[in-house]
Amino acid sequence: MKTTDYFIESVMARRPYLQEEWIEYVIKNPIYKEIQSNGRFRQWAFIEKSAKDLRVITEPDGKTVHNAFFDRGFKIITHN
């Protein structure tokens, strides 16, 4: 998985529970995706093991991970 220095040094330091497989899953299987004004992509997918929606932000290439976190405010899709 390709990442920014920010992701390694800051995000993973604060969120060591995030699993690489979850992040890769979101990138490959987003249930919703949008482009930020800076060209980065926001992508969401539901992670069964956590029963939460994970937001992954990638660089404009769509592959390099810049940020990831469980998004409690994501309400576009409801889950059973």
N, C-alpha and C. Protein backbone atom coordinates (compact mmCIF):
# COMPACT_ATOMS: atom_id res chain seq x y z
N MET A 1 0.85 -1.17 0.00
CA MET A 1 0.00 0.00 0.00
C MET A 1 0.89 1.23 0.00
N LYS A 2 0.63 2.13 -0.90
CA LYS A 2 1.39 3.36 -1.01
C LYS A 2 0.75 4.42 -0.11
N THR A 3 1.57 5.15 0.65
CA THR A 3 1.06 6.15 1.59
C THR A 3 1.89 7.42 1.56
N THR A 4 1.31 8.48 2.10
CA THR A 4 2.07 9.73 2.28
C THR A 4 2.83 9.64 3.61
N ASP A 5 3.81 10.50 3.77
CA ASP A 5 4.53 10.57 5.05
C ASP A 5 3.56 10.96 6.17
N TYR A 6 2.64 11.85 5.87
CA TYR A 6 1.64 12.27 6.87
C TYR A 6 0.87 11.06 7.41
N PHE A 7 0.48 10.17 6.51
CA PHE A 7 -0.28 9.00 6.94
C PHE A 7 0.53 8.15 7.91
N ILE A 8 1.77 7.88 7.58
CA ILE A 8 2.62 7.05 8.44
C ILE A 8 2.92 7.74 9.76
N GLU A 9 3.34 8.98 9.69
CA GLU A 9 3.82 9.68 10.88
C GLU A 9 2.71 10.20 11.79
N SER A 10 1.58 10.56 11.24
CA SER A 10 0.53 11.17 12.04
C SER A 10 -0.71 10.27 12.21
N VAL A 11 -1.26 9.83 11.10
CA VAL A 11 -2.51 9.07 11.15
C VAL A 11 -2.31 7.74 11.87
N MET A 12 -1.33 6.97 11.48
CA MET A 12 -1.13 5.66 12.11
C MET A 12 -0.64 5.79 13.54
N ALA A 13 0.01 6.89 13.86
CA ALA A 13 0.42 7.11 15.25
C ALA A 13 -0.80 7.32 16.14
N ARG A 14 -1.83 7.97 15.60
CA ARG A 14 -3.05 8.24 16.37
C ARG A 14 -4.08 7.12 16.26
N ARG A 15 -4.00 6.34 15.18
CA ARG A 15 -5.01 5.29 14.94
C ARG A 15 -4.35 3.96 14.59
N PRO A 16 -3.59 3.41 15.52
CA PRO A 16 -2.87 2.16 15.22
C PRO A 16 -3.78 0.95 14.99
N TYR A 17 -5.06 1.09 15.35
CA TYR A 17 -6.02 -0.01 15.17
C TYR A 17 -6.44 -0.18 13.71
N LEU A 18 -6.17 0.82 12.86
CA LEU A 18 -6.55 0.71 11.45
C LEU A 18 -5.75 -0.41 10.80
N GLN A 19 -6.44 -1.22 10.04
CA GLN A 19 -5.78 -2.34 9.38
C GLN A 19 -5.62 -2.06 7.89
N GLU A 20 -4.46 -2.40 7.37
CA GLU A 20 -4.17 -2.16 5.95
C GLU A 20 -5.22 -2.82 5.06
N GLU A 21 -5.67 -4.00 5.42
CA GLU A 21 -6.67 -4.70 4.60
C GLU A 21 -7.98 -3.92 4.54
N TRP A 22 -8.35 -3.23 5.61
CA TRP A 22 -9.56 -2.42 5.61
C TRP A 22 -9.41 -1.25 4.64
N ILE A 23 -8.26 -0.60 4.69
CA ILE A 23 -8.00 0.55 3.83
C ILE A 23 -8.01 0.13 2.36
N GLU A 24 -7.36 -0.97 2.07
CA GLU A 24 -7.34 -1.48 0.70
C GLU A 24 -8.75 -1.86 0.24
N TYR A 25 -9.55 -2.40 1.14
CA TYR A 25 -10.92 -2.76 0.81
C TYR A 25 -11.71 -1.52 0.40
N VAL A 26 -11.58 -0.43 1.16
CA VAL A 26 -12.30 0.81 0.83
C VAL A 26 -11.90 1.32 -0.54
N ILE A 27 -10.61 1.32 -0.83
CA ILE A 27 -10.12 1.81 -2.13
C ILE A 27 -10.67 0.97 -3.27
N LYS A 28 -10.77 -0.33 -3.08
CA LYS A 28 -11.24 -1.22 -4.15
C LYS A 28 -12.76 -1.33 -4.22
N ASN A 29 -13.46 -1.05 -3.10
CA ASN A 29 -14.90 -1.27 -3.03
C ASN A 29 -15.66 -0.12 -2.38
N PRO A 30 -15.44 1.10 -2.81
CA PRO A 30 -16.14 2.21 -2.13
C PRO A 30 -17.65 2.15 -2.38
N ILE A 31 -18.41 2.47 -1.33
CA ILE A 31 -19.86 2.57 -1.51
C ILE A 31 -20.24 3.99 -1.89
N TYR A 32 -19.32 4.92 -1.66
CA TYR A 32 -19.52 6.31 -2.06
C TYR A 32 -18.15 6.94 -2.24
N LYS A 33 -18.05 7.83 -3.21
CA LYS A 33 -16.77 8.46 -3.52
C LYS A 33 -17.03 9.90 -3.95
N GLU A 34 -16.15 10.81 -3.52
CA GLU A 34 -16.26 12.20 -3.97
C GLU A 34 -14.86 12.80 -4.08
N ILE A 35 -14.76 13.86 -4.87
CA ILE A 35 -13.49 14.55 -5.07
C ILE A 35 -13.48 15.82 -4.22
N GLN A 36 -12.41 16.02 -3.48
CA GLN A 36 -12.23 17.24 -2.70
C GLN A 36 -11.75 18.35 -3.63
N SER A 37 -11.81 19.59 -3.17
CA SER A 37 -11.39 20.73 -3.98
C SER A 37 -9.89 20.69 -4.31
N ASN A 38 -9.10 19.99 -3.50
CA ASN A 38 -7.66 19.87 -3.75
C ASN A 38 -7.30 18.69 -4.64
N GLY A 39 -8.32 17.99 -5.15
CA GLY A 39 -8.09 16.87 -6.07
C GLY A 39 -8.00 15.51 -5.39
N ARG A 40 -7.92 15.49 -4.07
CA ARG A 40 -7.90 14.21 -3.36
C ARG A 40 -9.29 13.57 -3.40
N PHE A 41 -9.30 12.24 -3.26
CA PHE A 41 -10.55 11.49 -3.25
C PHE A 41 -10.93 11.08 -1.83
N ARG A 42 -12.20 11.24 -1.51
CA ARG A 42 -12.77 10.69 -0.28
C ARG A 42 -13.55 9.46 -0.71
N GLN A 43 -13.31 8.35 -0.01
CA GLN A 43 -13.99 7.10 -0.33
C GLN A 43 -14.44 6.45 0.97
N TRP A 44 -15.65 5.88 0.95
CA TRP A 44 -16.19 5.23 2.13
C TRP A 44 -16.57 3.79 1.82
N ALA A 45 -16.46 2.94 2.82
CA ALA A 45 -16.99 1.58 2.76
C ALA A 45 -17.26 1.12 4.19
N PHE A 46 -18.22 0.21 4.31
CA PHE A 46 -18.59 -0.33 5.60
C PHE A 46 -17.63 -1.47 5.94
N ILE A 47 -17.06 -1.43 7.13
CA ILE A 47 -16.15 -2.48 7.60
C ILE A 47 -16.91 -3.36 8.57
N GLU A 48 -17.18 -4.57 8.15
CA GLU A 48 -17.99 -5.51 8.96
C GLU A 48 -17.42 -5.72 10.36
N LYS A 49 -16.11 -5.96 10.46
CA LYS A 49 -15.50 -6.28 11.76
C LYS A 49 -15.69 -5.17 12.79
N SER A 50 -15.76 -3.95 12.34
CA SER A 50 -15.92 -2.82 13.26
C SER A 50 -17.35 -2.32 13.32
N ALA A 51 -18.16 -2.74 12.35
CA ALA A 51 -19.55 -2.27 12.20
C ALA A 51 -19.60 -0.75 12.06
N LYS A 52 -18.62 -0.20 11.33
CA LYS A 52 -18.53 1.24 11.11
C LYS A 52 -18.12 1.52 9.67
N ASP A 53 -18.39 2.77 9.25
CA ASP A 53 -17.95 3.22 7.93
C ASP A 53 -16.55 3.81 8.03
N LEU A 54 -15.66 3.35 7.17
CA LEU A 54 -14.30 3.86 7.14
C LEU A 54 -14.16 4.82 5.97
N ARG A 55 -13.67 6.02 6.24
CA ARG A 55 -13.38 6.99 5.18
C ARG A 55 -11.88 6.92 4.92
N VAL A 56 -11.51 6.79 3.66
CA VAL A 56 -10.12 6.80 3.24
C VAL A 56 -9.94 7.94 2.26
N ILE A 57 -8.94 8.75 2.50
CA ILE A 57 -8.63 9.87 1.61
C ILE A 57 -7.34 9.55 0.89
N THR A 58 -7.41 9.59 -0.43
CA THR A 58 -6.23 9.31 -1.24
C THR A 58 -5.80 10.56 -2.01
N GLU A 59 -4.58 10.54 -2.43
CA GLU A 59 -4.06 11.59 -3.31
C GLU A 59 -4.80 11.51 -4.65
N PRO A 60 -4.65 12.50 -5.51
CA PRO A 60 -5.37 12.49 -6.80
C PRO A 60 -5.14 11.24 -7.66
N ASP A 61 -4.06 10.49 -7.39
CA ASP A 61 -3.84 9.25 -8.15
C ASP A 61 -4.83 8.16 -7.76
N GLY A 62 -5.57 8.35 -6.66
CA GLY A 62 -6.55 7.38 -6.22
C GLY A 62 -5.99 6.18 -5.51
N LYS A 63 -4.67 6.15 -5.31
CA LYS A 63 -4.00 4.98 -4.71
C LYS A 63 -3.19 5.31 -3.47
N THR A 64 -2.59 6.49 -3.44
CA THR A 64 -1.71 6.86 -2.33
C THR A 64 -2.56 7.35 -1.16
N VAL A 65 -2.51 6.63 -0.04
CA VAL A 65 -3.36 6.93 1.11
C VAL A 65 -2.79 8.09 1.91
N HIS A 66 -3.63 9.08 2.15
CA HIS A 66 -3.25 10.27 2.92
C HIS A 66 -3.87 10.28 4.31
N ASN A 67 -5.10 9.76 4.44
CA ASN A 67 -5.78 9.77 5.73
C ASN A 67 -6.81 8.64 5.75
N ALA A 68 -7.17 8.20 6.95
CA ALA A 68 -8.21 7.19 7.11
C ALA A 68 -8.75 7.27 8.53
N PHE A 69 -10.07 7.16 8.63
CA PHE A 69 -10.70 7.19 9.95
C PHE A 69 -12.13 6.70 9.85
N PHE A 70 -12.65 6.21 10.98
CA PHE A 70 -14.05 5.82 11.03
C PHE A 70 -14.88 7.09 11.08
N ASP A 71 -15.82 7.19 10.16
CA ASP A 71 -16.61 8.40 9.97
C ASP A 71 -18.01 8.22 10.56
N ARG A 72 -18.19 8.66 11.79
CA ARG A 72 -19.49 8.51 12.47
C ARG A 72 -20.58 9.35 11.81
N GLY A 73 -20.21 10.38 11.08
CA GLY A 73 -21.18 11.25 10.45
C GLY A 73 -21.65 10.80 9.08
N PHE A 74 -21.09 9.73 8.56
CA PHE A 74 -21.46 9.26 7.21
C PHE A 74 -22.84 8.64 7.26
N LYS A 75 -23.79 9.26 6.54
CA LYS A 75 -25.19 8.81 6.60
C LYS A 75 -25.79 8.57 5.21
N ILE A 76 -24.98 8.49 4.19
CA ILE A 76 -25.52 8.37 2.84
C ILE A 76 -26.17 7.01 2.62
N ILE A 77 -25.56 5.97 3.13
CA ILE A 77 -26.09 4.62 2.97
C ILE A 77 -26.37 4.06 4.37
N THR A 78 -27.50 3.46 4.57
CA THR A 78 -27.77 2.83 5.86
C THR A 78 -27.46 1.35 5.78
N HIS A 79 -27.11 0.78 6.90
CA HIS A 79 -26.73 -0.62 6.96
C HIS A 79 -27.72 -1.40 7.81
N ASN A 80 -27.94 -2.64 7.48
CA ASN A 80 -28.83 -3.51 8.26
C ASN A 80 -28.09 -4.10 9.44
